[in-house]
């Protein structure tokens, strides 16, 4: 939907992922959407160079998240959230229903 605005489908998907999960690393994002790792890495680096994202190390993994100092961050997030609302339910459930925290200890399976 926003791929023409952002220049590519990869850019759109990377931003959707960050909108939903707030942070992510290239390998995981590439796996979720079935994209090549190199395409995702290049896109994340472009966003970091533009000041939209910042990266940091968690162990040996480079993780990207929103740059809180980016002047248009709230507007960008609002645009992405609105675009996510228009995604078909099948696509939204396919990509964005992942559990992000561990199961509670002792909880029955």
PDB file of N, CA and C in Angstrom:
ATOM      1  N   UNK A   1       0.818  -1.182   0.000  1.00  0.00           N
ATOM      2  CA  UNK A   1       0.000   0.000   0.000  1.00  0.00           C
ATOM      3  C   UNK A   1       0.873   1.261   0.000  1.00  0.00           C
ATOM      4  N   UNK A   2       1.906   1.293   0.841  1.00  0.00           N
ATOM      5  CA  UNK A   2       2.776   2.463   0.936  1.00  0.00           C
ATOM      6  C   UNK A   2       4.102   2.279   0.210  1.00  0.00           C
ATOM      7  N   UNK A   3       4.230   1.191  -0.554  1.00  0.00           N
ATOM      8  CA  UNK A   3       5.512   0.915  -1.192  1.00  0.00           C
ATOM      9  C   UNK A   3       5.921   2.001  -2.182  1.00  0.00           C
ATOM     10  N   UNK A   4       4.980   2.636  -2.845  1.00  0.00           N
ATOM     11  CA  UNK A   4       5.320   3.727  -3.766  1.00  0.00           C
ATOM     12  C   UNK A   4       5.839   4.941  -2.988  1.00  0.00           C
ATOM     13  N   UNK A   5       5.288   5.169  -1.828  1.00  0.00           N
ATOM     14  CA  UNK A   5       5.712   6.296  -1.006  1.00  0.00           C
ATOM     15  C   UNK A   5       7.125   6.077  -0.441  1.00  0.00           C
ATOM     16  N   UNK A   6       7.391   4.855   0.029  1.00  0.00           N
ATOM     17  CA  UNK A   6       8.682   4.560   0.649  1.00  0.00           C
ATOM     18  C   UNK A   6       9.719   4.059  -0.344  1.00  0.00           C
ATOM     19  N   UNK A   7       9.338   3.803  -1.580  1.00  0.00           N
ATOM     20  CA  UNK A   7      10.293   3.422  -2.606  1.00  0.00           C
ATOM     21  C   UNK A   7      10.386   1.939  -2.890  1.00  0.00           C
ATOM     22  N   UNK A   8       9.989   1.088  -1.953  1.00  0.00           N
ATOM     23  CA  UNK A   8      10.039  -0.353  -2.204  1.00  0.00           C
ATOM     24  C   UNK A   8       9.142  -1.092  -1.214  1.00  0.00           C
ATOM     25  N   UNK A   9       8.784  -2.291  -1.585  1.00  0.00           N
ATOM     26  CA  UNK A   9       7.969  -3.138  -0.710  1.00  0.00           C
ATOM     27  C   UNK A   9       8.777  -3.520   0.536  1.00  0.00           C
ATOM     28  N   UNK A  10      10.072  -3.723   0.384  1.00  0.00           N
ATOM     29  CA  UNK A  10      10.926  -4.063   1.524  1.00  0.00           C
ATOM     30  C   UNK A  10      10.906  -2.951   2.566  1.00  0.00           C
ATOM     31  N   UNK A  11      11.020  -1.719   2.125  1.00  0.00           N
ATOM     32  CA  UNK A  11      10.995  -0.583   3.058  1.00  0.00           C
ATOM     33  C   UNK A  11       9.677  -0.552   3.805  1.00  0.00           C
ATOM     34  N   UNK A  12       8.593  -0.765   3.085  1.00  0.00           N
ATOM     35  CA  UNK A  12       7.268  -0.760   3.702  1.00  0.00           C
ATOM     36  C   UNK A  12       7.157  -1.857   4.759  1.00  0.00           C
ATOM     37  N   UNK A  13       7.583  -3.062   4.427  1.00  0.00           N
ATOM     38  CA  UNK A  13       7.469  -4.185   5.359  1.00  0.00           C
ATOM     39  C   UNK A  13       8.355  -3.990   6.587  1.00  0.00           C
ATOM     40  N   UNK A  14       9.549  -3.467   6.398  1.00  0.00           N
ATOM     41  CA  UNK A  14      10.447  -3.206   7.532  1.00  0.00           C
ATOM     42  C   UNK A  14       9.800  -2.207   8.488  1.00  0.00           C
ATOM     43  N   UNK A  15       9.213  -1.153   7.946  1.00  0.00           N
ATOM     44  CA  UNK A  15       8.565  -0.151   8.797  1.00  0.00           C
ATOM     45  C   UNK A  15       7.329  -0.713   9.489  1.00  0.00           C
ATOM     46  N   UNK A  16       6.563  -1.552   8.794  1.00  0.00           N
ATOM     47  CA  UNK A  16       5.421  -2.208   9.437  1.00  0.00           C
ATOM     48  C   UNK A  16       5.887  -3.045  10.624  1.00  0.00           C
ATOM     49  N   UNK A  17       6.941  -3.817  10.414  1.00  0.00           N
ATOM     50  CA  UNK A  17       7.454  -4.678  11.480  1.00  0.00           C
ATOM     51  C   UNK A  17       7.843  -3.839  12.694  1.00  0.00           C
ATOM     52  N   UNK A  18       8.563  -2.759  12.465  1.00  0.00           N
ATOM     53  CA  UNK A  18       8.988  -1.903  13.576  1.00  0.00           C
ATOM     54  C   UNK A  18       7.810  -1.191  14.220  1.00  0.00           C
ATOM     55  N   UNK A  19       6.794  -0.897  13.441  1.00  0.00           N
ATOM     56  CA  UNK A  19       5.600  -0.265  13.999  1.00  0.00           C
ATOM     57  C   UNK A  19       4.900  -1.212  14.975  1.00  0.00           C
ATOM     58  N   UNK A  20       4.865  -2.481  14.636  1.00  0.00           N
ATOM     59  CA  UNK A  20       4.185  -3.461  15.482  1.00  0.00           C
ATOM     60  C   UNK A  20       5.039  -3.878  16.671  1.00  0.00           C
ATOM     61  N   UNK A  21       6.313  -4.176  16.443  1.00  0.00           N
ATOM     62  CA  UNK A  21       7.161  -4.754  17.488  1.00  0.00           C
ATOM     63  C   UNK A  21       8.124  -3.770  18.150  1.00  0.00           C
ATOM     64  N   UNK A  22       8.229  -2.546  17.650  1.00  0.00           N
ATOM     65  CA  UNK A  22       9.071  -1.479  18.196  1.00  0.00           C
ATOM     66  C   UNK A  22      10.571  -1.674  17.967  1.00  0.00           C
ATOM     67  N   UNK A  23      11.046  -2.893  17.845  1.00  0.00           N
ATOM     68  CA  UNK A  23      12.451  -3.131  17.542  1.00  0.00           C
ATOM     69  C   UNK A  23      12.575  -4.462  16.821  1.00  0.00           C
ATOM     70  N   UNK A  24      13.698  -4.646  16.136  1.00  0.00           N
ATOM     71  CA  UNK A  24      13.888  -5.893  15.417  1.00  0.00           C
ATOM     72  C   UNK A  24      15.296  -5.993  14.869  1.00  0.00           C
ATOM     73  N   UNK A  25      15.658  -7.191  14.463  1.00  0.00           N
ATOM     74  CA  UNK A  25      16.968  -7.406  13.871  1.00  0.00           C
ATOM     75  C   UNK A  25      16.781  -7.991  12.471  1.00  0.00           C
ATOM     76  N   UNK A  26      17.739  -7.760  11.591  1.00  0.00           N
ATOM     77  CA  UNK A  26      17.552  -8.087  10.173  1.00  0.00           C
ATOM     78  C   UNK A  26      17.157  -9.529   9.880  1.00  0.00           C
ATOM     79  N   UNK A  27      17.780 -10.492  10.540  1.00  0.00           N
ATOM     80  CA  UNK A  27      17.482 -11.888  10.252  1.00  0.00           C
ATOM     81  C   UNK A  27      16.022 -12.220  10.548  1.00  0.00           C
ATOM     82  N   UNK A  28      15.522 -11.762  11.668  1.00  0.00           N
ATOM     83  CA  UNK A  28      14.139 -12.035  12.052  1.00  0.00           C
ATOM     84  C   UNK A  28      13.153 -11.373  11.081  1.00  0.00           C
ATOM     85  N   UNK A  29      13.421 -10.121  10.733  1.00  0.00           N
ATOM     86  CA  UNK A  29      12.532  -9.414   9.810  1.00  0.00           C
ATOM     87  C   UNK A  29      12.511 -10.115   8.460  1.00  0.00           C
ATOM     88  N   UNK A  30      13.676 -10.539   7.978  1.00  0.00           N
ATOM     89  CA  UNK A  30      13.752 -11.244   6.698  1.00  0.00           C
ATOM     90  C   UNK A  30      12.992 -12.564   6.759  1.00  0.00           C
ATOM     91  N   UNK A  31      13.070 -13.292   7.871  1.00  0.00           N
ATOM     92  CA  UNK A  31      12.362 -14.563   8.014  1.00  0.00           C
ATOM     93  C   UNK A  31      10.854 -14.364   8.030  1.00  0.00           C
ATOM     94  N   UNK A  32      10.389 -13.363   8.741  1.00  0.00           N
ATOM     95  CA  UNK A  32       8.952 -13.123   8.874  1.00  0.00           C
ATOM     96  C   UNK A  32       8.315 -12.872   7.517  1.00  0.00           C
ATOM     97  N   UNK A  33       8.959 -12.069   6.678  1.00  0.00           N
ATOM     98  CA  UNK A  33       8.365 -11.679   5.407  1.00  0.00           C
ATOM     99  C   UNK A  33       8.875 -12.487   4.223  1.00  0.00           C
ATOM    100  N   UNK A  34       9.825 -13.378   4.451  1.00  0.00           N
ATOM    101  CA  UNK A  34      10.370 -14.170   3.346  1.00  0.00           C
ATOM    102  C   UNK A  34      11.206 -13.336   2.386  1.00  0.00           C
ATOM    103  N   UNK A  35      11.907 -12.360   2.908  1.00  0.00           N
ATOM    104  CA  UNK A  35      12.753 -11.487   2.099  1.00  0.00           C
ATOM    105  C   UNK A  35      14.202 -11.922   2.220  1.00  0.00           C
ATOM    106  N   UNK A  36      15.038 -11.425   1.316  1.00  0.00           N
ATOM    107  CA  UNK A  36      16.457 -11.740   1.439  1.00  0.00           C
ATOM    108  C   UNK A  36      17.057 -10.886   2.557  1.00  0.00           C
ATOM    109  N   UNK A  37      17.979 -11.470   3.274  1.00  0.00           N
ATOM    110  CA  UNK A  37      18.624 -10.790   4.399  1.00  0.00           C
ATOM    111  C   UNK A  37      19.325  -9.524   3.939  1.00  0.00           C
ATOM    112  N   UNK A  38      19.988  -9.589   2.793  1.00  0.00           N
ATOM    113  CA  UNK A  38      20.724  -8.441   2.282  1.00  0.00           C
ATOM    114  C   UNK A  38      19.799  -7.251   2.010  1.00  0.00           C
ATOM    115  N   UNK A  39      18.623  -7.500   1.453  1.00  0.00           N
ATOM    116  CA  UNK A  39      17.670  -6.422   1.176  1.00  0.00           C
ATOM    117  C   UNK A  39      17.223  -5.748   2.465  1.00  0.00           C
ATOM    118  N   UNK A  40      16.942  -6.542   3.491  1.00  0.00           N
ATOM    119  CA  UNK A  40      16.489  -6.004   4.771  1.00  0.00           C
ATOM    120  C   UNK A  40      17.612  -5.220   5.438  1.00  0.00           C
ATOM    121  N   UNK A  41      18.818  -5.754   5.432  1.00  0.00           N
ATOM    122  CA  UNK A  41      19.949  -5.058   6.035  1.00  0.00           C
ATOM    123  C   UNK A  41      20.187  -3.713   5.357  1.00  0.00           C
ATOM    124  N   UNK A  42      20.155  -3.705   4.025  1.00  0.00           N
ATOM    125  CA  UNK A  42      20.364  -2.451   3.299  1.00  0.00           C
ATOM    126  C   UNK A  42      19.288  -1.427   3.633  1.00  0.00           C
ATOM    127  N   UNK A  43      18.057  -1.879   3.744  1.00  0.00           N
ATOM    128  CA  UNK A  43      16.967  -0.961   4.052  1.00  0.00           C
ATOM    129  C   UNK A  43      17.108  -0.397   5.462  1.00  0.00           C
ATOM    130  N   UNK A  44      17.458  -1.235   6.417  1.00  0.00           N
ATOM    131  CA  UNK A  44      17.652  -0.766   7.790  1.00  0.00           C
ATOM    132  C   UNK A  44      18.791   0.244   7.879  1.00  0.00           C
ATOM    133  N   UNK A  45      19.853   0.006   7.135  1.00  0.00           N
ATOM    134  CA  UNK A  45      20.980   0.940   7.127  1.00  0.00           C
ATOM    135  C   UNK A  45      20.558   2.275   6.504  1.00  0.00           C
ATOM    136  N   UNK A  46      19.750   2.229   5.450  1.00  0.00           N
ATOM    137  CA  UNK A  46      19.250   3.477   4.841  1.00  0.00           C
ATOM    138  C   UNK A  46      18.415   4.266   5.842  1.00  0.00           C
ATOM    139  N   UNK A  47      17.542   3.574   6.559  1.00  0.00           N
ATOM    140  CA  UNK A  47      16.717   4.260   7.555  1.00  0.00           C
ATOM    141  C   UNK A  47      17.568   4.811   8.698  1.00  0.00           C
ATOM    142  N   UNK A  48      18.607   4.079   9.064  1.00  0.00           N
ATOM    143  CA  UNK A  48      19.494   4.576  10.123  1.00  0.00           C
ATOM    144  C   UNK A  48      20.270   5.810   9.639  1.00  0.00           C
ATOM    145  N   UNK A  49      20.747   5.783   8.403  1.00  0.00           N
ATOM    146  CA  UNK A  49      21.449   6.940   7.842  1.00  0.00           C
ATOM    147  C   UNK A  49      20.542   8.163   7.749  1.00  0.00           C
ATOM    148  N   UNK A  50      19.249   7.926   7.524  1.00  0.00           N
ATOM    149  CA  UNK A  50      18.280   9.022   7.432  1.00  0.00           C
ATOM    150  C   UNK A  50      17.877   9.542   8.806  1.00  0.00           C
ATOM    151  N   UNK A  51      18.265   8.829   9.872  1.00  0.00           N
ATOM    152  CA  UNK A  51      17.941   9.270  11.224  1.00  0.00           C
ATOM    153  C   UNK A  51      16.622   8.751  11.750  1.00  0.00           C
ATOM    154  N   UNK A  52      15.949   7.902  10.988  1.00  0.00           N
ATOM    155  CA  UNK A  52      14.655   7.350  11.411  1.00  0.00           C
ATOM    156  C   UNK A  52      14.846   6.269  12.467  1.00  0.00           C
ATOM    157  N   UNK A  53      15.901   5.479  12.315  1.00  0.00           N
ATOM    158  CA  UNK A  53      16.186   4.377  13.233  1.00  0.00           C
ATOM    159  C   UNK A  53      17.541   4.571  13.885  1.00  0.00           C
ATOM    160  N   UNK A  54      17.731   3.913  15.002  1.00  0.00           N
ATOM    161  CA  UNK A  54      19.038   3.795  15.642  1.00  0.00           C
ATOM    162  C   UNK A  54      19.282   2.314  15.893  1.00  0.00           C
ATOM    163  N   UNK A  55      20.543   1.948  15.967  1.00  0.00           N
ATOM    164  CA  UNK A  55      20.866   0.544  16.226  1.00  0.00           C
ATOM    165  C   UNK A  55      21.748   0.434  17.451  1.00  0.00           C
ATOM    166  N   UNK A  56      21.702  -0.732  18.060  1.00  0.00           N
ATOM    167  CA  UNK A  56      22.517  -1.013  19.237  1.00  0.00           C
ATOM    168  C   UNK A  56      22.746  -2.521  19.284  1.00  0.00           C
ATOM    169  N   UNK A  57      23.702  -2.923  20.068  1.00  0.00           N
ATOM    170  CA  UNK A  57      24.007  -4.348  20.180  1.00  0.00           C
ATOM    171  C   UNK A  57      23.306  -4.949  21.383  1.00  0.00           C
ATOM    172  N   UNK A  58      22.664  -6.085  21.166  1.00  0.00           N
ATOM    173  CA  UNK A  58      22.151  -6.936  22.244  1.00  0.00           C
ATOM    174  C   UNK A  58      22.928  -8.232  22.119  1.00  0.00           C
ATOM    175  N   UNK A  59      23.942  -8.377  22.954  1.00  0.00           N
ATOM    176  CA  UNK A  59      24.853  -9.499  22.785  1.00  0.00           C
ATOM    177  C   UNK A  59      25.671  -9.265  21.537  1.00  0.00           C
ATOM    178  N   UNK A  60      25.558 -10.189  20.575  1.00  0.00           N
ATOM    179  CA  UNK A  60      26.266 -10.029  19.306  1.00  0.00           C
ATOM    180  C   UNK A  60      25.319  -9.652  18.173  1.00  0.00           C
ATOM    181  N   UNK A  61      24.087  -9.356  18.486  1.00  0.00           N
ATOM    182  CA  UNK A  61      23.076  -9.048  17.480  1.00  0.00           C
ATOM    183  C   UNK A  61      22.829  -7.545  17.406  1.00  0.00           C
ATOM    184  N   UNK A  62      22.889  -6.988  16.194  1.00  0.00           N
ATOM    185  CA  UNK A  62      22.575  -5.574  15.994  1.00  0.00           C
ATOM    186  C   UNK A  62      21.068  -5.436  15.866  1.00  0.00           C
ATOM    187  N   UNK A  63      20.473  -4.694  16.800  1.00  0.00           N
ATOM    188  CA  UNK A  63      19.027  -4.493  16.869  1.00  0.00           C
ATOM    189  C   UNK A  63      18.711  -3.052  16.472  1.00  0.00           C
ATOM    190  N   UNK A  64      17.648  -2.895  15.699  1.00  0.00           N
ATOM    191  CA  UNK A  64      17.228  -1.566  15.256  1.00  0.00           C
ATOM    192  C   UNK A  64      15.924  -1.202  15.943  1.00  0.00           C
ATOM    193  N   UNK A  65      15.800   0.094  16.279  1.00  0.00           N
ATOM    194  CA  UNK A  65      14.559   0.608  16.864  1.00  0.00           C
ATOM    195  C   UNK A  65      14.379   2.043  16.392  1.00  0.00           C
ATOM    196  N   UNK A  66      13.215   2.596  16.704  1.00  0.00           N
ATOM    197  CA  UNK A  66      12.916   3.976  16.308  1.00  0.00           C
ATOM    198  C   UNK A  66      13.879   4.934  17.001  1.00  0.00           C
ATOM    199  N   UNK A  67      14.247   5.981  16.299  1.00  0.00           N
ATOM    200  CA  UNK A  67      15.063   7.046  16.877  1.00  0.00           C
ATOM    201  C   UNK A  67      14.115   8.029  17.566  1.00  0.00           C
ATOM    202  N   UNK A  68      14.138   8.118  18.886  1.00  0.00           N
ATOM    203  CA  UNK A  68      13.200   9.008  19.572  1.00  0.00           C
ATOM    204  C   UNK A  68      13.430  10.483  19.250  1.00  0.00           C
ATOM    205  N   UNK A  69      14.573  10.823  18.696  1.00  0.00           N
ATOM    206  CA  UNK A  69      14.875  12.216  18.351  1.00  0.00           C
ATOM    207  C   UNK A  69      14.477  12.575  16.924  1.00  0.00           C
ATOM    208  N   UNK A  70      13.971  11.618  16.169  1.00  0.00           N
ATOM    209  CA  UNK A  70      13.541  11.905  14.792  1.00  0.00           C
ATOM    210  C   UNK A  70      12.346  12.850  14.843  1.00  0.00           C
ATOM    211  N   UNK A  71      12.400  14.007  14.158  1.00  0.00           N
ATOM    212  CA  UNK A  71      11.360  15.029  14.324  1.00  0.00           C
ATOM    213  C   UNK A  71       9.970  14.630  13.835  1.00  0.00           C
ATOM    214  N   UNK A  72       9.884  13.697  12.902  1.00  0.00           N
ATOM    215  CA  UNK A  72       8.582  13.304  12.353  1.00  0.00           C
ATOM    216  C   UNK A  72       8.162  11.912  12.806  1.00  0.00           C
ATOM    217  N   UNK A  73       8.701  11.453  13.919  1.00  0.00           N
ATOM    218  CA  UNK A  73       8.435  10.091  14.366  1.00  0.00           C
ATOM    219  C   UNK A  73       6.958   9.848  14.651  1.00  0.00           C
ATOM    220  N   UNK A  74       6.313  10.727  15.353  1.00  0.00           N
ATOM    221  CA  UNK A  74       4.899  10.509  15.688  1.00  0.00           C
ATOM    222  C   UNK A  74       4.038  10.505  14.430  1.00  0.00           C
ATOM    223  N   UNK A  75       4.333  11.355  13.466  1.00  0.00           N
ATOM    224  CA  UNK A  75       3.575  11.384  12.225  1.00  0.00           C
ATOM    225  C   UNK A  75       3.809  10.110  11.404  1.00  0.00           C
ATOM    226  N   UNK A  76       5.067   9.652  11.355  1.00  0.00           N
ATOM    227  CA  UNK A  76       5.386   8.432  10.629  1.00  0.00           C
ATOM    228  C   UNK A  76       4.681   7.228  11.242  1.00  0.00           C
ATOM    229  N   UNK A  77       4.726   7.126  12.566  1.00  0.00           N
ATOM    230  CA  UNK A  77       4.051   6.013  13.244  1.00  0.00           C
ATOM    231  C   UNK A  77       2.543   6.068  13.022  1.00  0.00           C
ATOM    232  N   UNK A  78       1.955   7.266  13.046  1.00  0.00           N
ATOM    233  CA  UNK A  78       0.515   7.400  12.813  1.00  0.00           C
ATOM    234  C   UNK A  78       0.153   6.947  11.405  1.00  0.00           C
ATOM    235  N   UNK A  79       0.969   7.298  10.422  1.00  0.00           N
ATOM    236  CA  UNK A  79       0.739   6.870   9.048  1.00  0.00           C
ATOM    237  C   UNK A  79       0.820   5.349   8.926  1.00  0.00           C
ATOM    238  N   UNK A  80       1.828   4.760   9.554  1.00  0.00           N
ATOM    239  CA  UNK A  80       1.995   3.304   9.487  1.00  0.00           C
ATOM    240  C   UNK A  80       0.866   2.579  10.207  1.00  0.00           C
ATOM    241  N   UNK A  81       0.439   3.088  11.340  1.00  0.00           N
ATOM    242  CA  UNK A  81      -0.662   2.450  12.066  1.00  0.00           C
ATOM    243  C   UNK A  81      -1.952   2.507  11.263  1.00  0.00           C
ATOM    244  N   UNK A  82      -2.184   3.615  10.592  1.00  0.00           N
ATOM    245  CA  UNK A  82      -3.377   3.736   9.758  1.00  0.00           C
ATOM    246  C   UNK A  82      -3.299   2.767   8.585  1.00  0.00           C
ATOM    247  N   UNK A  83      -2.120   2.647   7.974  1.00  0.00           N
ATOM    248  CA  UNK A  83      -1.934   1.714   6.863  1.00  0.00           C
ATOM    249  C   UNK A  83      -2.108   0.266   7.336  1.00  0.00           C
ATOM    250  N   UNK A  84      -1.635  -0.041   8.539  1.00  0.00           N
ATOM    251  CA  UNK A  84      -1.807  -1.395   9.084  1.00  0.00           C
ATOM    252  C   UNK A  84      -3.281  -1.730   9.277  1.00  0.00           C
ATOM    253  N   UNK A  85      -4.088  -0.738   9.630  1.00  0.00           N
ATOM    254  CA  UNK A  85      -5.524  -0.968   9.788  1.00  0.00           C
ATOM    255  C   UNK A  85      -6.184  -1.389   8.487  1.00  0.00           C
ATOM    256  N   UNK A  86      -5.620  -0.979   7.357  1.00  0.00           N
ATOM    257  CA  UNK A  86      -6.190  -1.306   6.056  1.00  0.00           C
ATOM    258  C   UNK A  86      -5.651  -2.596   5.455  1.00  0.00           C
ATOM    259  N   UNK A  87      -4.675  -3.208   6.117  1.00  0.00           N
ATOM    260  CA  UNK A  87      -4.184  -4.502   5.630  1.00  0.00           C
ATOM    261  C   UNK A  87      -5.267  -5.555   5.817  1.00  0.00           C
ATOM    262  N   UNK A  88      -5.384  -6.479   4.882  1.00  0.00           N
ATOM    263  CA  UNK A  88      -6.346  -7.579   5.077  1.00  0.00           C
ATOM    264  C   UNK A  88      -6.011  -8.377   6.333  1.00  0.00           C
ATOM    265  N   UNK A  89      -7.046  -8.898   6.997  1.00  0.00           N
ATOM    266  CA  UNK A  89      -6.831  -9.667   8.224  1.00  0.00           C
ATOM    267  C   UNK A  89      -5.925 -10.862   8.002  1.00  0.00           C
ATOM    268  N   UNK A  90      -6.025 -11.497   6.842  1.00  0.00           N
ATOM    269  CA  UNK A  90      -5.190 -12.664   6.568  1.00  0.00           C
ATOM    270  C   UNK A  90      -3.704 -12.282   6.561  1.00  0.00           C
ATOM    271  N   UNK A  91      -3.387 -11.145   5.966  1.00  0.00           N
ATOM    272  CA  UNK A  91      -1.996 -10.707   5.926  1.00  0.00           C
ATOM    273  C   UNK A  91      -1.517 -10.261   7.306  1.00  0.00           C
ATOM    274  N   UNK A  92      -2.375  -9.572   8.026  1.00  0.00           N
ATOM    275  CA  UNK A  92      -2.009  -9.103   9.371  1.00  0.00           C
ATOM    276  C   UNK A  92      -1.765 -10.284  10.305  1.00  0.00           C
ATOM    277  N   UNK A  93      -2.633 -11.282  10.266  1.00  0.00           N
ATOM    278  CA  UNK A  93      -2.458 -12.431  11.158  1.00  0.00           C
ATOM    279  C   UNK A  93      -1.269 -13.291  10.736  1.00  0.00           C
ATOM    280  N   UNK A  94      -0.961 -13.301   9.445  1.00  0.00           N
ATOM    281  CA  UNK A  94       0.166 -14.089   8.955  1.00  0.00           C
ATOM    282  C   UNK A  94       1.496 -13.524   9.446  1.00  0.00           C
ATOM    283  N   UNK A  95       1.618 -12.201   9.486  1.00  0.00           N
ATOM    284  CA  UNK A  95       2.890 -11.576   9.798  1.00  0.00           C
ATOM    285  C   UNK A  95       3.025 -11.050  11.223  1.00  0.00           C
ATOM    286  N   UNK A  96       1.931 -10.664  11.862  1.00  0.00           N
ATOM    287  CA  UNK A  96       2.052  -9.889  13.087  1.00  0.00           C
ATOM    288  C   UNK A  96       1.389 -10.506  14.305  1.00  0.00           C
ATOM    289  N   UNK A  97       1.337 -11.798  14.414  1.00  0.00           N
ATOM    290  CA  UNK A  97       0.731 -12.442  15.588  1.00  0.00           C
ATOM    291  C   UNK A  97       1.747 -13.255  16.370  1.00  0.00           C
ATOM    292  N   UNK A  98       2.991 -12.853  16.321  1.00  0.00           N
ATOM    293  CA  UNK A  98       4.038 -13.611  16.985  1.00  0.00           C
ATOM    294  C   UNK A  98       4.111 -13.276  18.471  1.00  0.00           C
ATOM    295  N   UNK A  99       4.344 -14.282  19.256  1.00  0.00           N
ATOM    296  CA  UNK A  99       4.510 -14.089  20.698  1.00  0.00           C
ATOM    297  C   UNK A  99       5.868 -13.440  20.944  1.00  0.00           C
ATOM    298  N   UNK A 100       5.905 -12.371  21.725  1.00  0.00           N
ATOM    299  CA  UNK A 100       7.159 -11.652  21.913  1.00  0.00           C
ATOM    300  C   UNK A 100       7.739 -11.804  23.312  1.00  0.00           C
ATOM    301  N   UNK A 101       7.075 -12.515  24.178  1.00  0.00           N
ATOM    302  CA  UNK A 101       7.646 -12.728  25.505  1.00  0.00           C
ATOM    303  C   UNK A 101       7.474 -14.197  25.874  1.00  0.00           C
ATOM    304  N   UNK A 102       8.284 -14.685  26.789  1.00  0.00           N
ATOM    305  CA  UNK A 102       8.219 -16.104  27.127  1.00  0.00           C
ATOM    306  C   UNK A 102       6.947 -16.460  27.898  1.00  0.00           C
ATOM    307  N   UNK A 103       6.604 -17.724  27.829  1.00  0.00           N
ATOM    308  CA  UNK A 103       5.446 -18.241  28.551  1.00  0.00           C
ATOM    309  C   UNK A 103       5.713 -18.190  30.062  1.00  0.00           C
ATOM    310  N   UNK A 104       4.681 -17.880  30.820  1.00  0.00           N
ATOM    311  CA  UNK A 104       4.803 -17.816  32.276  1.00  0.00           C
ATOM    312  C   UNK A 104       5.220 -19.171  32.826  1.00  0.00           C
ATOM    313  N   UNK A 105       6.086 -19.187  33.813  1.00  0.00           N
ATOM    314  CA  UNK A 105       6.563 -20.422  34.416  1.00  0.00           C
ATOM    315  C   UNK A 105       5.382 -21.145  35.061  1.00  0.00           C
ATOM    316  N   UNK A 106       5.293 -22.439  34.787  1.00  0.00           N
ATOM    317  CA  UNK A 106       4.245 -23.259  35.397  1.00  0.00           C
ATOM    318  C   UNK A 106       2.911 -23.199  34.694  1.00  0.00           C
ATOM    319  N   UNK A 107       2.772 -22.398  33.651  1.00  0.00           N
ATOM    320  CA  UNK A 107       1.501 -22.287  32.929  1.00  0.00           C
ATOM    321  C   UNK A 107       1.290 -23.563  32.131  1.00  0.00           C
ATOM    322  N   UNK A 108       0.099 -24.185  32.243  1.00  0.00           N
ATOM    323  CA  UNK A 108      -0.127 -25.424  31.491  1.00  0.00           C
ATOM    324  C   UNK A 108      -0.140 -25.172  29.987  1.00  0.00           C
ATOM    325  N   UNK A 109       0.334 -26.150  29.269  1.00  0.00           N
ATOM    326  CA  UNK A 109       0.417 -26.016  27.804  1.00  0.00           C
ATOM    327  C   UNK A 109      -0.865 -26.403  27.139  1.00  0.00           C
TER     328      UNK A 109
END
